[in-house]
C-alpha atoms as a PDB file:
ATOM      1  CA  MET A   1      -2.423 -23.889  15.936  1.00  0.00           C
ATOM      2  CA  ASP A   2      -5.969 -22.750  16.765  1.00  0.00           C
ATOM      3  CA  ASP A   3      -4.533 -19.536  18.227  1.00  0.00           C
ATOM      4  CA  LEU A   4      -2.659 -18.904  14.987  1.00  0.00           C
ATOM      5  CA  LEU A   5      -5.744 -19.425  12.840  1.00  0.00           C
ATOM      6  CA  LEU A   6      -7.910 -17.215  15.029  1.00  0.00           C
ATOM      7  CA  GLN A   7      -5.438 -14.349  14.963  1.00  0.00           C
ATOM      8  CA  VAL A   8      -3.989 -14.539  11.452  1.00  0.00           C
ATOM      9  CA  GLU A   9      -6.923 -15.597   9.261  1.00  0.00           C
ATOM     10  CA  PRO A  10      -8.875 -12.316   9.750  1.00  0.00           C
ATOM     11  CA  MET A  11      -5.773 -10.384   8.650  1.00  0.00           C
ATOM     12  CA  ILE A  12      -5.511 -12.044   5.239  1.00  0.00           C
ATOM     13  CA  PRO A  13      -7.735  -9.555   3.332  1.00  0.00           C
ATOM     14  CA  ALA A  14      -5.780  -6.632   4.815  1.00  0.00           C
ATOM     15  CA  LEU A  15      -2.485  -8.339   3.978  1.00  0.00           C
ATOM     16  CA  ARG A  16      -3.601  -8.819   0.371  1.00  0.00           C
ATOM     17  CA  ARG A  17      -4.708  -5.186   0.120  1.00  0.00           C
ATOM     18  CA  TYR A  18      -1.429  -3.898   1.496  1.00  0.00           C
ATOM     19  CA  ALA A  19       0.624  -6.217  -0.710  1.00  0.00           C
ATOM     20  CA  ARG A  20      -1.325  -5.141  -3.798  1.00  0.00           C
ATOM     21  CA  GLY A  21      -0.833  -1.496  -2.942  1.00  0.00           C
ATOM     22  CA  LEU A  22       2.841  -2.028  -2.285  1.00  0.00           C
ATOM     23  CA  VAL A  23       3.877  -4.089  -5.317  1.00  0.00           C
ATOM     24  CA  ARG A  24       1.032  -3.044  -7.693  1.00  0.00           C
ATOM     25  CA  ASP A  25       0.704  -6.533  -9.170  1.00  0.00           C
ATOM     26  CA  ILE A  26      -2.137  -8.822  -8.100  1.00  0.00           C
ATOM     27  CA  GLU A  27      -0.346 -12.107  -8.764  1.00  0.00           C
ATOM     28  CA  ALA A  28       2.897 -10.946  -7.165  1.00  0.00           C
ATOM     29  CA  ALA A  29       0.949  -9.645  -4.171  1.00  0.00           C
ATOM     30  CA  ASP A  30      -0.771 -12.996  -3.689  1.00  0.00           C
ATOM     31  CA  ASP A  31       2.602 -14.750  -3.886  1.00  0.00           C
ATOM     32  CA  ILE A  32       4.009 -12.395  -1.257  1.00  0.00           C
ATOM     33  CA  VAL A  33       1.036 -12.979   1.035  1.00  0.00           C
ATOM     34  CA  GLN A  34       1.474 -16.733   0.661  1.00  0.00           C
ATOM     35  CA  ASP A  35       5.195 -16.461   1.467  1.00  0.00           C
ATOM     36  CA  CYS A  36       4.326 -14.276   4.436  1.00  0.00           C
ATOM     37  CA  LEU A  37       1.805 -16.777   5.779  1.00  0.00           C
ATOM     38  CA  GLU A  38       4.345 -19.601   5.406  1.00  0.00           C
ATOM     39  CA  ARG A  39       6.848 -17.632   7.474  1.00  0.00           C
ATOM     40  CA  VAL A  40       4.203 -16.799  10.052  1.00  0.00           C
ATOM     41  CA  VAL A  41       3.318 -20.483  10.465  1.00  0.00           C
ATOM     42  CA  LEU A  42       6.980 -21.531  10.679  1.00  0.00           C
ATOM     43  CA  ASN A  43       7.926 -18.816  13.172  1.00  0.00           C
ATOM     44  CA  TRP A  44       4.714 -18.505  15.179  1.00  0.00           C
ATOM     45  CA  SER A  45       6.410 -19.625  18.397  1.00  0.00           C
ATOM     46  CA  HIS A  46       9.137 -16.974  17.990  1.00  0.00           C
ATOM     47  CA  ARG A  47       6.853 -13.903  17.957  1.00  0.00           C
ATOM     48  CA  ARG A  48       7.398 -11.497  20.852  1.00  0.00           C
ATOM     49  CA  ASP A  49       4.038  -9.755  21.093  1.00  0.00           C
ATOM     50  CA  ASP A  50       0.594 -11.049  22.058  1.00  0.00           C
ATOM     51  CA  ASN A  51      -0.827  -8.977  19.200  1.00  0.00           C
ATOM     52  CA  PRO A  52       0.819 -10.401  16.070  1.00  0.00           C
ATOM     53  CA  ARG A  53      -0.613  -7.778  13.655  1.00  0.00           C
ATOM     54  CA  SER A  54       2.468  -5.580  13.435  1.00  0.00           C
ATOM     55  CA  TRP A  55       4.761  -8.646  13.336  1.00  0.00           C
ATOM     56  CA  VAL A  56       2.833 -10.167  10.426  1.00  0.00           C
ATOM     57  CA  PHE A  57       2.713  -6.850   8.553  1.00  0.00           C
ATOM     58  CA  ALA A  58       6.469  -6.410   9.120  1.00  0.00           C
ATOM     59  CA  ILE A  59       7.106  -9.799   7.507  1.00  0.00           C
ATOM     60  CA  LEU A  60       4.847  -8.875   4.593  1.00  0.00           C
ATOM     61  CA  HIS A  61       6.417  -5.434   4.209  1.00  0.00           C
ATOM     62  CA  ASN A  62       9.939  -6.883   4.136  1.00  0.00           C
ATOM     63  CA  LEU A  63       8.916  -9.477   1.540  1.00  0.00           C
ATOM     64  CA  GLY A  64       7.262  -6.736  -0.529  1.00  0.00           C
ATOM     65  CA  VAL A  65      10.287  -4.454  -0.371  1.00  0.00           C
ATOM     66  CA  ASN A  66      12.537  -7.356  -1.336  1.00  0.00           C
ATOM     67  CA  ARG A  67      10.244  -8.049  -4.293  1.00  0.00           C
ATOM     68  CA  LEU A  68      10.346  -4.391  -5.384  1.00  0.00           C
ATOM     69  CA  ARG A  69      14.133  -4.359  -5.184  1.00  0.00           C
ATOM     70  CA  GLN A  70      14.266  -7.577  -7.162  1.00  0.00           C
ATOM     71  CA  ASP A  71      11.937  -6.122  -9.817  1.00  0.00           C
ATOM     72  CA  ALA A  72      14.008  -2.919  -9.960  1.00  0.00           C
ATOM     73  CA  ARG A  73      17.143  -4.945 -10.591  1.00  0.00           C
ATOM     74  CA  ARG A  74      15.357  -6.863 -13.324  1.00  0.00           C
ATOM     75  CA  GLY A  75      13.882  -3.696 -14.824  1.00  0.00           C
ATOM     76  CA  GLY A  76      10.247  -4.898 -14.857  1.00  0.00           C
ATOM     77  CA  SER A  77       7.215  -2.819 -13.900  1.00  0.00           C
ATOM     78  CA  VAL A  78       3.473  -3.267 -13.648  1.00  0.00           C
ATOM     79  CA  PRO A  79       0.986  -0.531 -14.589  1.00  0.00           C
ATOM     80  CA  ILE A  80      -1.108   0.808 -11.723  1.00  0.00           C
ATOM     81  CA  GLU A  81      -4.281   0.265 -13.776  1.00  0.00           C
ATOM     82  CA  ASP A  82      -4.136  -3.446 -12.963  1.00  0.00           C
ATOM     83  CA  VAL A  83      -4.581  -2.776  -9.253  1.00  0.00           C
ATOM     84  CA  ALA A  84      -7.487  -0.369  -9.606  1.00  0.00           C
ATOM     85  CA  GLU A  85      -9.663  -2.855 -11.500  1.00  0.00           C
ATOM     86  CA  ALA A  86      -9.661  -5.373  -8.685  1.00  0.00           C
ATOM     87  CA  THR A  87     -10.157  -3.052  -5.709  1.00  0.00           C
ATOM     88  CA  GLY A  88     -13.732  -1.746  -6.072  1.00  0.00           C
ATOM     89  CA  ALA A  89     -16.497  -3.260  -3.898  1.00  0.00           C
ATOM     90  CA  ARG A  90     -19.319  -1.586  -5.830  1.00  0.00           C
ATOM     91  CA  ALA A  91     -19.689  -0.439  -9.364  1.00  0.00           C
ATOM     92  CA  ALA A  92     -17.937   2.889  -9.575  1.00  0.00           C
ATOM     93  CA  THR A  93     -19.317   5.824 -11.475  1.00  0.00           C
ATOM     94  CA  GLN A  94     -17.293   7.223 -14.315  1.00  0.00           C
ATOM     95  CA  GLU A  95     -16.248  10.158 -12.160  1.00  0.00           C
ATOM     96  CA  ASP A  96     -15.227   7.824  -9.304  1.00  0.00           C
ATOM     97  CA  THR A  97     -13.099   5.831 -11.716  1.00  0.00           C
ATOM     98  CA  VAL A  98     -11.346   8.894 -13.078  1.00  0.00           C
ATOM     99  CA  TYR A  99     -10.694  10.253  -9.586  1.00  0.00           C
ATOM    100  CA  GLY A 100      -9.511   6.839  -8.400  1.00  0.00           C
ATOM    101  CA  HIS A 101      -6.984   6.672 -11.226  1.00  0.00           C
ATOM    102  CA  GLU A 102      -5.778  10.162 -10.373  1.00  0.00           C
ATOM    103  CA  VAL A 103      -5.324   9.245  -6.698  1.00  0.00           C
ATOM    104  CA  MET A 104      -3.525   5.984  -7.493  1.00  0.00           C
ATOM    105  CA  ALA A 105      -1.264   7.755  -9.965  1.00  0.00           C
ATOM    106  CA  ALA A 106      -0.545  10.408  -7.332  1.00  0.00           C
ATOM    107  CA  ILE A 107       0.261   7.744  -4.718  1.00  0.00           C
ATOM    108  CA  GLU A 108       2.565   6.040  -7.194  1.00  0.00           C
ATOM    109  CA  ARG A 109       4.470   9.302  -7.631  1.00  0.00           C
ATOM    110  CA  LEU A 110       5.258   9.445  -3.888  1.00  0.00           C
ATOM    111  CA  PRO A 111       8.683   8.243  -2.749  1.00  0.00           C
ATOM    112  CA  PRO A 112       8.579   4.595  -1.531  1.00  0.00           C
ATOM    113  CA  ASP A 113       9.044   5.476   2.156  1.00  0.00           C
ATOM    114  CA  GLN A 114       6.121   7.933   2.080  1.00  0.00           C
ATOM    115  CA  ARG A 115       3.948   5.586   0.014  1.00  0.00           C
ATOM    116  CA  SER A 116       4.474   2.747   2.520  1.00  0.00           C
ATOM    117  CA  ILE A 117       3.499   4.924   5.484  1.00  0.00           C
ATOM    118  CA  LEU A 118       0.425   6.248   3.693  1.00  0.00           C
ATOM    119  CA  LEU A 119      -0.750   2.752   2.703  1.00  0.00           C
ATOM    120  CA  LEU A 120      -0.168   1.244   6.154  1.00  0.00           C
ATOM    121  CA  ILE A 121      -1.931   3.999   8.088  1.00  0.00           C
ATOM    122  CA  SER A 122      -4.596   5.268   5.698  1.00  0.00           C
ATOM    123  CA  VAL A 123      -5.546   2.067   3.897  1.00  0.00           C
ATOM    124  CA  GLU A 124      -4.639  -0.725   6.341  1.00  0.00           C
ATOM    125  CA  ASP A 125      -5.651   1.300   9.400  1.00  0.00           C
ATOM    126  CA  LEU A 126      -2.526   0.492  11.394  1.00  0.00           C
ATOM    127  CA  SER A 127      -1.729   2.769  14.319  1.00  0.00           C
ATOM    128  CA  TYR A 128       1.364   4.946  14.164  1.00  0.00           C
ATOM    129  CA  ALA A 129       3.079   2.593  16.651  1.00  0.00           C
ATOM    130  CA  GLU A 130       2.205  -0.474  14.577  1.00  0.00           C
ATOM    131  CA  ALA A 131       3.478   1.189  11.403  1.00  0.00           C
ATOM    132  CA  ALA A 132       6.703   2.102  13.224  1.00  0.00           C
ATOM    133  CA  LYS A 133       7.175  -1.563  14.169  1.00  0.00           C
ATOM    134  CA  VAL A 134       6.420  -2.747  10.640  1.00  0.00           C
ATOM    135  CA  LEU A 135       8.926  -0.379   9.060  1.00  0.00           C
ATOM    136  CA  GLU A 136      11.406  -0.520  11.972  1.00  0.00           C
ATOM    137  CA  ILE A 137      11.602   3.270  12.280  1.00  0.00           C
ATOM    138  CA  PRO A 138      10.955   5.659  15.207  1.00  0.00           C
ATOM    139  CA  LEU A 139       7.415   6.894  15.863  1.00  0.00           C
ATOM    140  CA  GLY A 140       8.421  10.490  15.124  1.00  0.00           C
ATOM    141  CA  THR A 141       9.693   9.460  11.719  1.00  0.00           C
ATOM    142  CA  VAL A 142       6.347   7.809  10.990  1.00  0.00           C
ATOM    143  CA  MET A 143       4.516  11.033  11.819  1.00  0.00           C
ATOM    144  CA  SER A 144       6.820  13.264   9.800  1.00  0.00           C
ATOM    145  CA  ARG A 145       6.813  10.949   6.758  1.00  0.00           C
ATOM    146  CA  LEU A 146       3.017  10.664   6.917  1.00  0.00           C
ATOM    147  CA  SER A 147       2.690  14.432   7.100  1.00  0.00           C
ATOM    148  CA  ARG A 148       5.003  14.886   4.125  1.00  0.00           C
ATOM    149  CA  ALA A 149       3.181  12.152   2.188  1.00  0.00           C
ATOM    150  CA  ARG A 150      -0.230  13.748   2.782  1.00  0.00           C
ATOM    151  CA  GLU A 151       1.039  17.191   1.848  1.00  0.00           C
ATOM    152  CA  GLN A 152       2.738  15.928  -1.293  1.00  0.00           C
ATOM    153  CA  LEU A 153      -0.347  13.898  -2.267  1.00  0.00           C
ATOM    154  CA  ARG A 154      -2.529  16.991  -1.788  1.00  0.00           C
ATOM    155  CA  THR A 155      -0.143  19.063  -3.909  1.00  0.00           C
ATOM    156  CA  ILE A 156      -0.078  16.471  -6.685  1.00  0.00           C
ATOM    157  CA  LEU A 157      -3.884  16.185  -6.755  1.00  0.00           C
ATOM    158  CA  GLU A 158      -4.403  19.972  -6.723  1.00  0.00           C
ATOM    159  CA  THR A 159      -1.861  20.686  -9.429  1.00  0.00           C
ATOM    160  CA  LYS A 160      -3.448  21.206 -12.824  1.00  0.00           C
ATOM    161  CA  PRO A 161      -1.958  19.337 -15.741  1.00  0.00           C
ATOM    162  CA  SER A 162       0.603  21.308 -17.690  1.00  0.00           C
ATOM    163  CA  GLY A 163      -1.839  21.897 -20.610  1.00  0.00           C
ATOM    164  CA  ALA A 164      -4.496  23.665 -18.442  1.00  0.00           C
ATOM    165  CA  SER A 165      -4.535  27.474 -18.116  1.00  0.00           C
ATOM    166  CA  ALA A 166      -5.952  29.607 -15.285  1.00  0.00           C
ATOM    167  CA  GLY A 167      -8.948  31.178 -17.065  1.00  0.00           C
ATOM    168  CA  ARG A 168     -10.109  28.179 -19.053  1.00  0.00           C
ATOM    169  CA  PRO A 169     -11.812  25.062 -17.711  1.00  0.00           C
ATOM    170  CA  TYR A 170      -9.803  21.888 -17.814  1.00  0.00           C
ATOM    171  CA  ILE A 171     -11.500  19.271 -19.949  1.00  0.00           C
ATOM    172  CA  ARG A 172     -10.235  15.760 -19.897  1.00  0.00           C
ATOM    173  CA  ARG A 173     -11.125  12.907 -22.163  1.00  0.00           C
ATOM    174  CA  VAL A 174     -12.911   9.995 -20.481  1.00  0.00           C
ATOM    175  CA  LYS A 175     -13.258   6.680 -22.269  1.00  0.00           C
END
């Protein structure tokens, strides 16, 4: 039990971050993390690796995907603005806030498989091999999906809104 606490407890903030990024609902993310931790405790003796990080993230990812599928069947959605309010560690400037909303909106526009890879590697700092274990896909697929996700994210962020023209500056309204 001490081994479990020493290895899993430090992962809880990362698990919450990943769950929030995946399901985009703070309360649902906390529920998923709690379910994940229950499964980890119940199945701790069945893990195959000495490093449980990828195993725990795989459990969390599967619970998150199941939740998303369940929400899709039910037709419910949560606005991305709810996630952005709870993620800052310091007071953001107005420009930081606007850019953060643009990045989160761009990430939301990515296909789910690319969004998962991007969140696991870029936000949760998992290695490519750990992400491959979490998602149960080959390492080459992780690299190609990550490359496509980064390229698509760059394209989305560099694309001007449809109302902007080439010669005129783009002015956006900030509340």
